[in-house]
Every structure is written in structure tokens, then in C-alpha cells.
């Protein structure tokens, strides 16, 4: 399971010209799921994400976690994180989980974040989405549960 985290002052996701999720002060997470991901991958990423000290303290140092600052999450499913561009000009997505499996794990990921006291907004799984954010810093991290 892969996650791209972007620290955001504000973020929103729109589907068919309607805002379906938005946050202020938190993280935008693009989440990719592959075939062999399990609850262990979810638990690893959730624990890392909510406790990672990537928010500034009063001295401007990244010493605070999402939990410390009461931040929110905008979670977006992103199968293209498992796109392989090593050959040719068109990516293949053979490493991305099938939609049914990916949707179930994505929803479980979001639920476990919520169970940990995090406010979670989402996009619409499988929809064409427009994501807007103000990346604060900019601060961006890539996490992989297999590394």
C-alpha cells in the first residue's frame, strides 16, 4: 500500500462540479492499493500517518503530529500510484488491486483513521475527481507499507 501525504492549509475534492469533501489544516492522502495488501498494511500506514511529526511547532520546527494539531484528512483513492512506466509510453496498472478489493481496503483505511479520532473526508471511489489543495511548506511524503 502506498500513500502520498501532502500537508495542506485547505483542500477539496469535486465530482461533477460538486464539492464532495474538504478540509482545513491537515493532510491530503492519495492512497494506492496493490494485490497483496492486508489489514496489516492499513494499520502500519494509519499509525505512521497520524503520529508522523510533520507539522510545525511554535518555533517553526516539524515537531507536531496530525493528532497534536487536531488536523483533518482528505483521503483520495489513487490507483495510478501502482502504474508501471518502465516500458513504452503507456503505463500499465497490473500492480494495482482490482476495484472491489481496492475499494474495500480504502474504506477500511478511512474507517480506521476515523476510529483513531481523525476527521476524514473522502472523494468518490472510482470517479473522475478534481482535487485542489494549498500544499503548506510545501511538505510532501511518500509512504510504502512494504518498505
N, C-alpha and C. Protein backbone atom coordinates (compact mmCIF):
# COMPACT_ATOMS: atom_id res chain seq x y z
N UNK A 1 0.85 -1.18 0.00
CA UNK A 1 0.00 0.00 0.00
C UNK A 1 0.89 1.23 0.00
N UNK A 2 0.56 2.17 -0.87
CA UNK A 2 1.33 3.40 -0.96
C UNK A 2 0.45 4.58 -0.62
N UNK A 3 1.07 5.57 0.02
CA UNK A 3 0.35 6.80 0.35
C UNK A 3 1.24 7.99 0.07
N UNK A 4 0.70 8.96 -0.62
CA UNK A 4 1.36 10.25 -0.79
C UNK A 4 0.66 11.21 0.15
N UNK A 5 1.43 11.79 1.09
CA UNK A 5 0.89 12.73 2.07
C UNK A 5 1.32 14.13 1.68
N UNK A 6 0.37 15.04 1.65
CA UNK A 6 0.67 16.44 1.38
C UNK A 6 0.03 17.28 2.48
N UNK A 7 0.88 18.02 3.18
CA UNK A 7 0.37 18.89 4.24
C UNK A 7 -0.40 20.03 3.60
N UNK A 8 -1.62 20.27 4.05
CA UNK A 8 -2.47 21.25 3.39
C UNK A 8 -3.10 22.23 4.36
N UNK A 9 -3.11 23.51 3.95
CA UNK A 9 -3.87 24.53 4.67
C UNK A 9 -5.35 24.39 4.37
N UNK A 10 -5.65 24.03 3.12
CA UNK A 10 -7.02 23.83 2.67
C UNK A 10 -6.98 22.85 1.50
N UNK A 11 -7.98 22.00 1.40
CA UNK A 11 -8.07 21.09 0.27
C UNK A 11 -9.53 20.71 0.05
N UNK A 12 -9.84 20.41 -1.21
CA UNK A 12 -11.19 19.96 -1.53
C UNK A 12 -11.14 19.02 -2.72
N UNK A 13 -12.18 18.22 -2.84
CA UNK A 13 -12.33 17.32 -3.98
C UNK A 13 -13.73 17.53 -4.55
N UNK A 14 -13.77 17.64 -5.88
CA UNK A 14 -15.01 17.91 -6.60
C UNK A 14 -15.29 16.77 -7.57
N UNK A 15 -16.54 16.36 -7.62
CA UNK A 15 -17.00 15.35 -8.58
C UNK A 15 -18.24 15.93 -9.27
N UNK A 16 -18.22 15.96 -10.58
CA UNK A 16 -19.35 16.50 -11.35
C UNK A 16 -19.76 17.90 -10.86
N UNK A 17 -18.77 18.75 -10.68
CA UNK A 17 -18.97 20.14 -10.27
C UNK A 17 -19.55 20.32 -8.88
N UNK A 18 -19.52 19.27 -8.05
CA UNK A 18 -20.00 19.37 -6.67
C UNK A 18 -18.87 18.99 -5.72
N UNK A 19 -18.64 19.82 -4.71
CA UNK A 19 -17.63 19.51 -3.70
C UNK A 19 -18.17 18.36 -2.84
N UNK A 20 -17.41 17.27 -2.80
CA UNK A 20 -17.82 16.09 -2.03
C UNK A 20 -17.01 15.91 -0.75
N UNK A 21 -15.90 16.63 -0.63
CA UNK A 21 -15.09 16.57 0.58
C UNK A 21 -14.16 17.76 0.64
N UNK A 22 -13.94 18.28 1.85
CA UNK A 22 -12.99 19.38 2.01
C UNK A 22 -12.49 19.42 3.44
N UNK A 23 -11.27 19.93 3.59
CA UNK A 23 -10.64 20.06 4.90
C UNK A 23 -9.93 21.40 5.00
N UNK A 24 -9.65 21.77 6.22
CA UNK A 24 -8.77 22.89 6.54
C UNK A 24 -7.75 22.36 7.54
N UNK A 25 -6.47 22.64 7.29
CA UNK A 25 -5.39 22.22 8.17
C UNK A 25 -5.32 20.72 8.39
N UNK A 26 -4.56 20.09 7.56
CA UNK A 26 -4.38 18.65 7.72
C UNK A 26 -3.57 18.06 6.59
N UNK A 27 -3.99 16.87 6.16
CA UNK A 27 -3.28 16.14 5.13
C UNK A 27 -4.21 15.71 4.01
N UNK A 28 -3.71 15.85 2.79
CA UNK A 28 -4.33 15.19 1.65
C UNK A 28 -3.56 13.90 1.47
N UNK A 29 -4.28 12.79 1.41
CA UNK A 29 -3.64 11.49 1.23
C UNK A 29 -4.15 10.87 -0.06
N UNK A 30 -3.21 10.57 -0.96
CA UNK A 30 -3.51 9.80 -2.15
C UNK A 30 -3.10 8.37 -1.83
N UNK A 31 -4.06 7.44 -1.85
CA UNK A 31 -3.81 6.07 -1.40
C UNK A 31 -3.92 5.09 -2.55
N UNK A 32 -2.85 4.31 -2.75
CA UNK A 32 -2.83 3.26 -3.76
C UNK A 32 -2.80 1.90 -3.10
N UNK A 33 -3.57 0.97 -3.64
CA UNK A 33 -3.68 -0.38 -3.09
C UNK A 33 -3.21 -1.38 -4.13
N UNK A 34 -2.41 -2.36 -3.68
CA UNK A 34 -1.96 -3.42 -4.57
C UNK A 34 -2.55 -4.76 -4.11
N UNK A 35 -2.32 -5.82 -4.89
CA UNK A 35 -2.97 -7.11 -4.72
C UNK A 35 -2.78 -7.76 -3.36
N UNK A 36 -1.59 -7.65 -2.79
CA UNK A 36 -1.31 -8.38 -1.56
C UNK A 36 -1.44 -7.53 -0.30
N UNK A 37 -2.08 -6.37 -0.39
CA UNK A 37 -2.28 -5.54 0.79
C UNK A 37 -3.32 -6.16 1.72
N UNK A 38 -3.10 -5.96 3.02
CA UNK A 38 -3.97 -6.52 4.06
C UNK A 38 -4.21 -5.48 5.15
N UNK A 39 -4.91 -5.90 6.17
CA UNK A 39 -5.15 -5.05 7.33
C UNK A 39 -3.83 -4.63 7.98
N UNK A 40 -2.82 -5.45 7.89
CA UNK A 40 -1.51 -5.09 8.46
C UNK A 40 -0.92 -3.87 7.76
N UNK A 41 -1.10 -3.78 6.44
CA UNK A 41 -0.62 -2.62 5.70
C UNK A 41 -1.39 -1.37 6.12
N UNK A 42 -2.70 -1.52 6.27
CA UNK A 42 -3.53 -0.40 6.72
C UNK A 42 -3.09 0.08 8.08
N UNK A 43 -2.96 -0.84 9.03
CA UNK A 43 -2.58 -0.46 10.40
C UNK A 43 -1.22 0.21 10.44
N UNK A 44 -0.28 -0.30 9.66
CA UNK A 44 1.05 0.32 9.60
C UNK A 44 0.94 1.77 9.13
N UNK A 45 0.23 1.99 8.00
CA UNK A 45 0.13 3.34 7.45
C UNK A 45 -0.65 4.28 8.37
N UNK A 46 -1.74 3.81 8.94
CA UNK A 46 -2.53 4.68 9.83
C UNK A 46 -1.69 5.13 11.02
N UNK A 47 -1.00 4.20 11.65
CA UNK A 47 -0.17 4.55 12.81
C UNK A 47 0.92 5.55 12.41
N UNK A 48 1.56 5.32 11.28
CA UNK A 48 2.61 6.21 10.80
C UNK A 48 2.03 7.60 10.48
N UNK A 49 0.93 7.63 9.76
CA UNK A 49 0.36 8.89 9.31
C UNK A 49 -0.09 9.77 10.47
N UNK A 50 -0.79 9.21 11.43
CA UNK A 50 -1.35 10.05 12.49
C UNK A 50 -0.30 10.49 13.51
N UNK A 51 0.84 9.79 13.54
CA UNK A 51 1.88 10.13 14.51
C UNK A 51 3.13 10.77 13.91
N UNK A 52 3.20 10.85 12.58
CA UNK A 52 4.36 11.43 11.92
C UNK A 52 4.45 12.92 12.25
N UNK A 53 5.60 13.35 12.75
CA UNK A 53 5.75 14.74 13.20
C UNK A 53 6.17 15.62 12.01
N UNK A 54 5.16 16.12 11.30
CA UNK A 54 5.40 16.91 10.09
C UNK A 54 4.70 18.27 10.12
N UNK A 55 4.17 18.63 11.28
CA UNK A 55 3.54 19.94 11.45
C UNK A 55 4.42 20.79 12.35
N UNK A 56 4.43 22.08 12.09
CA UNK A 56 5.33 23.00 12.80
C UNK A 56 4.85 23.31 14.21
N UNK A 57 5.83 23.39 15.11
CA UNK A 57 5.56 23.86 16.47
C UNK A 57 5.70 25.37 16.50
N UNK A 58 5.66 25.96 17.70
CA UNK A 58 5.75 27.41 17.82
C UNK A 58 7.09 27.98 17.37
N UNK A 59 8.10 27.13 17.26
CA UNK A 59 9.42 27.57 16.80
C UNK A 59 9.63 27.32 15.31
N UNK A 60 8.60 26.84 14.63
CA UNK A 60 8.71 26.60 13.19
C UNK A 60 9.37 25.28 12.83
N UNK A 61 9.57 24.39 13.81
CA UNK A 61 10.18 23.08 13.54
C UNK A 61 9.10 22.03 13.41
N UNK A 62 9.33 21.06 12.53
CA UNK A 62 8.36 19.98 12.36
C UNK A 62 8.48 19.02 13.54
N UNK A 63 7.72 19.31 14.58
CA UNK A 63 7.73 18.51 15.81
C UNK A 63 6.36 18.01 16.20
N UNK A 64 5.32 18.37 15.47
CA UNK A 64 3.96 18.02 15.86
C UNK A 64 3.33 17.06 14.85
N UNK A 65 2.49 16.18 15.36
CA UNK A 65 1.80 15.21 14.51
C UNK A 65 0.41 15.71 14.15
N UNK A 66 -0.23 14.99 13.26
CA UNK A 66 -1.61 15.30 12.88
C UNK A 66 -2.50 15.29 14.13
N UNK A 67 -2.29 14.31 15.00
CA UNK A 67 -3.07 14.24 16.23
C UNK A 67 -2.80 15.45 17.12
N UNK A 68 -1.54 15.88 17.20
CA UNK A 68 -1.17 17.02 18.04
C UNK A 68 -1.88 18.30 17.62
N UNK A 69 -2.02 18.50 16.30
CA UNK A 69 -2.60 19.75 15.80
C UNK A 69 -4.10 19.64 15.53
N UNK A 70 -4.69 18.48 15.79
CA UNK A 70 -6.11 18.30 15.53
C UNK A 70 -6.44 18.39 14.05
N UNK A 71 -5.52 17.92 13.21
CA UNK A 71 -5.69 18.02 11.77
C UNK A 71 -6.68 17.03 11.20
N UNK A 72 -7.14 17.36 10.00
CA UNK A 72 -8.09 16.53 9.28
C UNK A 72 -7.39 15.83 8.11
N UNK A 73 -8.09 14.88 7.52
CA UNK A 73 -7.55 14.17 6.35
C UNK A 73 -8.57 14.22 5.22
N UNK A 74 -8.07 14.52 4.03
CA UNK A 74 -8.83 14.34 2.80
C UNK A 74 -8.20 13.14 2.10
N UNK A 75 -8.92 12.04 2.06
CA UNK A 75 -8.42 10.76 1.54
C UNK A 75 -8.97 10.51 0.14
N UNK A 76 -8.04 10.28 -0.79
CA UNK A 76 -8.40 10.07 -2.20
C UNK A 76 -7.79 8.75 -2.67
N UNK A 77 -8.62 7.88 -3.22
CA UNK A 77 -8.12 6.63 -3.80
C UNK A 77 -7.37 6.96 -5.09
N UNK A 78 -6.18 6.34 -5.27
CA UNK A 78 -5.31 6.71 -6.40
C UNK A 78 -4.62 5.47 -6.96
N UNK A 79 -5.31 4.73 -7.81
CA UNK A 79 -4.72 3.50 -8.36
C UNK A 79 -3.48 3.76 -9.18
N UNK A 80 -3.32 4.97 -9.72
CA UNK A 80 -2.17 5.26 -10.58
C UNK A 80 -0.85 5.25 -9.82
N UNK A 81 -0.89 5.21 -8.49
CA UNK A 81 0.36 5.07 -7.72
C UNK A 81 1.04 3.74 -8.02
N UNK A 82 0.27 2.79 -8.53
CA UNK A 82 0.84 1.49 -8.91
C UNK A 82 0.99 1.36 -10.43
N UNK A 83 1.03 2.48 -11.12
CA UNK A 83 1.28 2.45 -12.55
C UNK A 83 2.75 2.18 -12.84
N UNK A 84 3.02 1.30 -13.79
CA UNK A 84 4.38 0.96 -14.19
C UNK A 84 4.68 1.66 -15.51
N UNK A 85 5.67 2.55 -15.48
CA UNK A 85 6.04 3.30 -16.68
C UNK A 85 7.40 2.88 -17.22
N UNK A 86 7.88 1.71 -16.81
CA UNK A 86 9.24 1.30 -17.17
C UNK A 86 9.39 0.91 -18.64
N UNK A 87 8.30 0.53 -19.29
CA UNK A 87 8.38 0.13 -20.69
C UNK A 87 7.37 0.92 -21.51
N UNK A 88 7.80 1.33 -22.68
CA UNK A 88 6.89 2.01 -23.59
C UNK A 88 6.46 3.38 -23.09
N UNK A 89 5.36 3.85 -23.64
CA UNK A 89 4.87 5.19 -23.32
C UNK A 89 3.54 5.19 -22.62
N UNK A 90 2.97 4.02 -22.48
CA UNK A 90 1.67 3.92 -21.82
C UNK A 90 1.83 3.10 -20.55
N UNK A 91 1.47 3.65 -19.39
CA UNK A 91 1.64 2.90 -18.14
C UNK A 91 0.73 1.67 -18.11
N UNK A 92 1.19 0.63 -17.43
CA UNK A 92 0.28 -0.48 -17.15
C UNK A 92 -0.04 -0.45 -15.67
N UNK A 93 -1.17 -0.97 -15.34
CA UNK A 93 -1.65 -0.90 -13.95
C UNK A 93 -1.88 -2.29 -13.38
N UNK A 94 -1.06 -3.24 -13.81
CA UNK A 94 -1.21 -4.62 -13.36
C UNK A 94 -0.94 -4.79 -11.86
N UNK A 95 -0.16 -3.88 -11.29
CA UNK A 95 0.15 -3.98 -9.85
C UNK A 95 -0.95 -3.37 -8.98
N UNK A 96 -1.86 -2.62 -9.57
CA UNK A 96 -2.97 -2.04 -8.81
C UNK A 96 -3.99 -3.13 -8.51
N UNK A 97 -4.54 -3.09 -7.31
CA UNK A 97 -5.57 -4.07 -6.93
C UNK A 97 -6.82 -3.88 -7.78
N UNK A 98 -7.57 -4.96 -7.95
CA UNK A 98 -8.85 -4.88 -8.66
C UNK A 98 -9.78 -3.96 -7.87
N UNK A 99 -10.72 -3.30 -8.55
CA UNK A 99 -11.57 -2.31 -7.88
C UNK A 99 -12.29 -2.79 -6.62
N UNK A 100 -12.84 -3.99 -6.62
CA UNK A 100 -13.57 -4.46 -5.43
C UNK A 100 -12.66 -4.57 -4.22
N UNK A 101 -11.48 -5.15 -4.42
CA UNK A 101 -10.51 -5.30 -3.34
C UNK A 101 -10.00 -3.93 -2.89
N UNK A 102 -9.66 -3.08 -3.85
CA UNK A 102 -9.13 -1.76 -3.52
C UNK A 102 -10.15 -0.93 -2.76
N UNK A 103 -11.39 -0.96 -3.20
CA UNK A 103 -12.44 -0.17 -2.53
C UNK A 103 -12.63 -0.63 -1.08
N UNK A 104 -12.66 -1.92 -0.87
CA UNK A 104 -12.85 -2.45 0.49
C UNK A 104 -11.70 -2.01 1.41
N UNK A 105 -10.46 -2.10 0.92
CA UNK A 105 -9.31 -1.71 1.74
C UNK A 105 -9.25 -0.20 1.93
N UNK A 106 -9.60 0.56 0.91
CA UNK A 106 -9.64 2.02 1.01
C UNK A 106 -10.66 2.44 2.08
N UNK A 107 -11.84 1.85 2.04
CA UNK A 107 -12.87 2.18 3.03
C UNK A 107 -12.44 1.77 4.44
N UNK A 108 -11.77 0.64 4.55
CA UNK A 108 -11.28 0.18 5.85
C UNK A 108 -10.19 1.13 6.37
N UNK A 109 -9.31 1.58 5.49
CA UNK A 109 -8.28 2.56 5.85
C UNK A 109 -8.92 3.82 6.44
N UNK A 110 -9.93 4.34 5.74
CA UNK A 110 -10.61 5.55 6.21
C UNK A 110 -11.32 5.32 7.54
N UNK A 111 -11.92 4.15 7.70
CA UNK A 111 -12.62 3.84 8.94
C UNK A 111 -11.65 3.76 10.12
N UNK A 112 -10.50 3.16 9.91
CA UNK A 112 -9.52 3.04 11.00
C UNK A 112 -8.96 4.40 11.36
N UNK A 113 -8.77 5.27 10.37
CA UNK A 113 -8.37 6.66 10.69
C UNK A 113 -9.43 7.30 11.58
N UNK A 114 -10.70 7.16 11.20
CA UNK A 114 -11.81 7.72 11.99
C UNK A 114 -11.85 7.12 13.39
N UNK A 115 -11.64 5.82 13.47
CA UNK A 115 -11.64 5.13 14.78
C UNK A 115 -10.54 5.66 15.69
N UNK A 116 -9.51 6.26 15.10
CA UNK A 116 -8.41 6.85 15.86
C UNK A 116 -8.64 8.34 16.15
N UNK A 117 -9.86 8.80 15.96
CA UNK A 117 -10.21 10.16 16.31
C UNK A 117 -9.88 11.21 15.26
N UNK A 118 -9.60 10.78 14.04
CA UNK A 118 -9.25 11.71 12.96
C UNK A 118 -10.50 11.99 12.12
N UNK A 119 -10.73 13.25 11.83
CA UNK A 119 -11.81 13.64 10.94
C UNK A 119 -11.36 13.35 9.50
N UNK A 120 -12.14 12.54 8.79
CA UNK A 120 -11.78 12.10 7.44
C UNK A 120 -12.86 12.50 6.45
N UNK A 121 -12.44 13.19 5.41
CA UNK A 121 -13.28 13.48 4.26
C UNK A 121 -12.72 12.66 3.11
N UNK A 122 -13.57 12.32 2.15
CA UNK A 122 -13.12 11.49 1.03
C UNK A 122 -13.64 12.01 -0.30
N UNK A 123 -13.04 11.46 -1.33
CA UNK A 123 -13.56 11.62 -2.67
C UNK A 123 -14.58 10.51 -2.91
N UNK A 124 -14.83 10.23 -4.19
CA UNK A 124 -15.74 9.15 -4.57
C UNK A 124 -14.92 8.09 -5.27
N UNK A 125 -14.86 6.90 -4.70
CA UNK A 125 -14.05 5.82 -5.25
C UNK A 125 -14.41 5.58 -6.71
N UNK A 126 -13.41 5.56 -7.58
CA UNK A 126 -13.59 5.24 -8.99
C UNK A 126 -14.10 6.39 -9.85
N UNK A 127 -14.41 7.52 -9.24
CA UNK A 127 -14.93 8.65 -10.01
C UNK A 127 -13.80 9.50 -10.56
N UNK A 128 -14.09 10.28 -11.59
CA UNK A 128 -13.17 11.30 -12.08
C UNK A 128 -13.30 12.47 -11.10
N UNK A 129 -12.19 12.81 -10.45
CA UNK A 129 -12.21 13.82 -9.39
C UNK A 129 -11.24 14.94 -9.71
N UNK A 130 -11.59 16.14 -9.28
CA UNK A 130 -10.70 17.29 -9.31
C UNK A 130 -10.31 17.58 -7.87
N UNK A 131 -9.02 17.50 -7.58
CA UNK A 131 -8.52 17.73 -6.23
C UNK A 131 -7.76 19.05 -6.21
N UNK A 132 -8.12 19.92 -5.30
CA UNK A 132 -7.43 21.19 -5.14
C UNK A 132 -6.88 21.26 -3.74
N UNK A 133 -5.65 21.80 -3.62
CA UNK A 133 -5.08 21.96 -2.30
C UNK A 133 -4.07 23.09 -2.27
N UNK A 134 -3.91 23.63 -1.10
CA UNK A 134 -2.82 24.55 -0.83
C UNK A 134 -1.83 23.75 0.00
N UNK A 135 -0.75 23.30 -0.65
CA UNK A 135 0.26 22.48 0.00
C UNK A 135 1.13 23.41 0.83
N UNK A 136 1.01 23.27 2.14
CA UNK A 136 1.70 24.16 3.07
C UNK A 136 3.14 23.70 3.27
N UNK A 137 4.08 24.52 2.90
CA UNK A 137 5.51 24.23 3.07
C UNK A 137 6.29 24.52 1.81
N UNK A 138 6.16 23.79 0.76
CA UNK A 138 5.37 22.57 0.61
C UNK A 138 6.00 21.39 1.34
N UNK A 139 5.13 20.57 1.89
CA UNK A 139 5.56 19.37 2.60
C UNK A 139 4.84 18.18 1.98
N UNK A 140 5.61 17.23 1.43
CA UNK A 140 5.06 16.04 0.80
C UNK A 140 5.93 14.85 1.16
N UNK A 141 5.29 13.74 1.54
CA UNK A 141 5.99 12.50 1.85
C UNK A 141 5.33 11.34 1.12
N UNK A 142 6.15 10.35 0.77
CA UNK A 142 5.64 9.12 0.16
C UNK A 142 5.92 7.98 1.13
N UNK A 143 4.86 7.27 1.49
CA UNK A 143 4.98 6.12 2.40
C UNK A 143 4.60 4.86 1.64
N UNK A 144 5.31 3.78 1.95
CA UNK A 144 5.02 2.48 1.35
C UNK A 144 5.04 1.46 2.47
N UNK A 145 3.95 0.76 2.66
CA UNK A 145 3.86 -0.19 3.76
C UNK A 145 4.78 -1.39 3.59
N UNK A 146 5.32 -1.57 2.40
CA UNK A 146 6.23 -2.70 2.14
C UNK A 146 7.69 -2.32 2.37
N UNK A 147 7.98 -1.07 2.60
CA UNK A 147 9.40 -0.64 2.77
C UNK A 147 9.73 -0.41 4.23
